[in-house]
Amino acid sequence: MTNGIKKQVKNYHSDIELSGSGNTDYGHALADRILKQTKKEGLEKKIKLENYFAFVSAIKKSRINIENKFADRQIKEEFMKKYFNYPTLKGFRSWASCPDYAVGSAFKNNYHSALDKIKKDIRGK
C-alpha cells in the first residue's frame, strides 16, 4: 500500500463521520482506494510471477547448461534482455564488453532467484 493511503488510514477517525461534521463519505472513499491499491499490487505480483515462470520454462525447454558460466553466452544474453529487460549488466557499457563469466553468473543468479520466488509463492498459497 502506498504511503499516502497508509497515512490517511492512520489519521482517519470514524467519529467525525458519525457526528455529521465533515465529509460523511470519506470512509467509503478511503476503503475504495485501499481495495483498488490492493488489487493493483496483487496484479503486479501475478505478472512478475508469470514472467518468472515463463523464464524458467523457456530455459528448461532450451536445455541451457545453467551451471556452466562460460557456455551459451548469446542465448543467456537474449534471455536476460527478453525476460528482465536488461540493457546491459551493471558496471559494463555494453553486452560486448561483459566477460562470459559475468554473463553466466548473472544468468545463474536470475534463474535461481526466479525459482526461489516461484517456490515461495507456491508455499504461500
Protein backbone atom coordinates (compact mmCIF):
# COMPACT_ATOMS: atom_id res chain seq x y z
CA MET A 1 0.00 0.00 0.00
CA THR A 2 1.34 3.46 -0.81
CA ASN A 3 2.49 5.76 1.95
CA GLY A 4 -0.23 8.33 1.18
CA ILE A 5 -3.03 5.85 1.74
CA LYS A 6 -1.34 4.44 4.86
CA LYS A 7 -1.09 7.95 6.29
CA GLN A 8 -4.76 8.66 5.54
CA VAL A 9 -5.84 5.40 7.19
CA LYS A 10 -3.76 6.22 10.25
CA ASN A 11 -5.30 9.70 10.55
CA TYR A 12 -8.87 8.56 9.85
CA HIS A 13 -11.35 8.81 12.72
CA SER A 14 -14.83 7.42 12.19
CA ASP A 15 -16.18 9.68 14.96
CA ILE A 16 -16.05 12.66 12.61
CA GLU A 17 -18.39 10.95 10.15
CA LEU A 18 -20.73 9.74 12.88
CA SER A 19 -21.13 13.22 14.34
CA GLY A 20 -22.02 14.61 10.91
CA SER A 21 -19.27 17.22 10.92
CA GLY A 22 -17.11 16.62 7.91
CA ASN A 23 -17.22 14.51 4.79
CA THR A 24 -19.52 11.61 5.61
CA ASP A 25 -18.41 9.62 2.54
CA TYR A 26 -14.70 9.87 3.31
CA GLY A 27 -14.50 6.45 4.99
CA HIS A 28 -16.10 4.76 1.99
CA ALA A 29 -13.84 6.59 -0.45
CA LEU A 30 -10.80 5.62 1.62
CA ALA A 31 -11.90 1.97 1.70
CA ASP A 32 -12.37 2.03 -2.09
CA ARG A 33 -8.85 3.41 -2.57
CA ILE A 34 -7.42 0.69 -0.32
CA LEU A 35 -9.23 -2.02 -2.29
CA LYS A 36 -8.04 -0.62 -5.64
CA GLN A 37 -4.46 -0.37 -4.41
CA THR A 38 -4.52 -3.91 -3.02
CA LYS A 39 -5.93 -5.23 -6.30
CA LYS A 40 -3.26 -3.35 -8.28
CA GLU A 41 -0.47 -4.76 -6.10
CA GLY A 42 -1.89 -8.27 -6.50
CA LEU A 43 -1.97 -7.94 -10.28
CA GLU A 44 1.60 -6.61 -10.37
CA LYS A 45 2.77 -9.57 -8.28
CA LYS A 46 0.91 -12.00 -10.54
CA ILE A 47 2.52 -10.50 -13.66
CA LYS A 48 6.00 -10.78 -12.14
CA LEU A 49 5.40 -14.41 -11.18
CA GLU A 50 4.11 -15.25 -14.65
CA ASN A 51 7.25 -13.68 -16.12
CA TYR A 52 9.47 -15.73 -13.78
CA PHE A 53 7.57 -18.88 -14.70
CA ALA A 54 7.91 -18.14 -18.43
CA PHE A 55 11.65 -17.52 -17.94
CA VAL A 56 12.20 -20.82 -16.10
CA SER A 57 10.04 -22.74 -18.59
CA ALA A 58 11.93 -21.30 -21.56
CA ILE A 59 15.26 -22.27 -20.00
CA LYS A 60 14.08 -25.83 -19.37
CA LYS A 61 12.87 -26.13 -22.98
CA SER A 62 16.12 -24.78 -24.42
CA ARG A 63 18.24 -27.10 -22.24
CA ILE A 64 20.84 -24.45 -21.43
CA ASN A 65 23.57 -25.53 -19.03
CA ILE A 66 22.95 -23.12 -16.16
CA GLU A 67 25.89 -24.26 -14.06
CA ASN A 68 28.48 -23.69 -16.80
CA LYS A 69 29.02 -19.93 -16.67
CA PHE A 70 31.05 -19.86 -19.88
CA ALA A 71 28.66 -21.77 -22.19
CA ASP A 72 25.82 -20.42 -24.35
CA ARG A 73 26.62 -16.75 -23.82
CA GLN A 74 24.44 -15.37 -26.65
CA ILE A 75 21.41 -17.38 -25.58
CA LYS A 76 21.82 -16.26 -21.96
CA GLU A 77 22.11 -12.62 -23.09
CA GLU A 78 18.91 -12.91 -25.11
CA PHE A 79 17.01 -14.44 -22.21
CA MET A 80 18.10 -11.67 -19.83
CA LYS A 81 17.22 -8.98 -22.38
CA LYS A 82 13.82 -10.53 -23.07
CA TYR A 83 12.63 -11.52 -19.60
CA PHE A 84 14.40 -8.99 -17.36
CA ASN A 85 14.74 -6.07 -19.79
CA TYR A 86 18.46 -5.66 -19.11
CA PRO A 87 20.12 -3.11 -21.42
CA THR A 88 23.47 -4.40 -20.09
CA LEU A 89 24.94 -5.69 -16.85
CA LYS A 90 25.88 -3.24 -14.11
CA GLY A 91 29.42 -1.97 -14.41
CA PHE A 92 29.66 -2.56 -18.17
CA ARG A 93 28.93 -0.23 -21.07
CA SER A 94 27.54 -2.87 -23.39
CA TRP A 95 26.91 -6.57 -23.64
CA ALA A 96 30.01 -6.93 -25.81
CA SER A 97 32.23 -5.60 -23.02
CA CYS A 98 30.83 -8.06 -20.45
CA PRO A 99 33.04 -11.10 -19.88
CA ASP A 100 31.48 -14.53 -20.34
CA TYR A 101 31.82 -15.26 -16.63
CA ALA A 102 29.81 -12.14 -15.68
CA VAL A 103 27.02 -13.01 -18.11
CA GLY A 104 26.93 -16.62 -16.89
CA SER A 105 26.93 -15.58 -13.23
CA ALA A 106 24.14 -13.05 -13.70
CA PHE A 107 22.10 -15.59 -15.64
CA LYS A 108 22.56 -18.26 -12.98
CA ASN A 109 21.62 -15.78 -10.22
CA ASN A 110 18.49 -14.68 -12.10
CA TYR A 111 17.49 -18.29 -12.72
CA HIS A 112 17.82 -19.33 -9.07
CA SER A 113 16.14 -16.13 -7.90
CA ALA A 114 13.17 -16.80 -10.20
CA LEU A 115 12.93 -20.38 -8.93
CA ASP A 116 13.01 -19.21 -5.31
CA LYS A 117 10.27 -16.64 -5.91
CA ILE A 118 8.07 -19.21 -7.63
CA LYS A 119 8.59 -21.72 -4.79
CA LYS A 120 7.90 -19.03 -2.20
CA ASP A 121 4.63 -18.11 -3.91
CA ILE A 122 3.54 -21.75 -4.14
CA ARG A 123 4.22 -22.28 -0.43
CA GLY A 124 2.41 -19.04 0.45
CA LYS A 125 -0.87 -20.17 -1.11
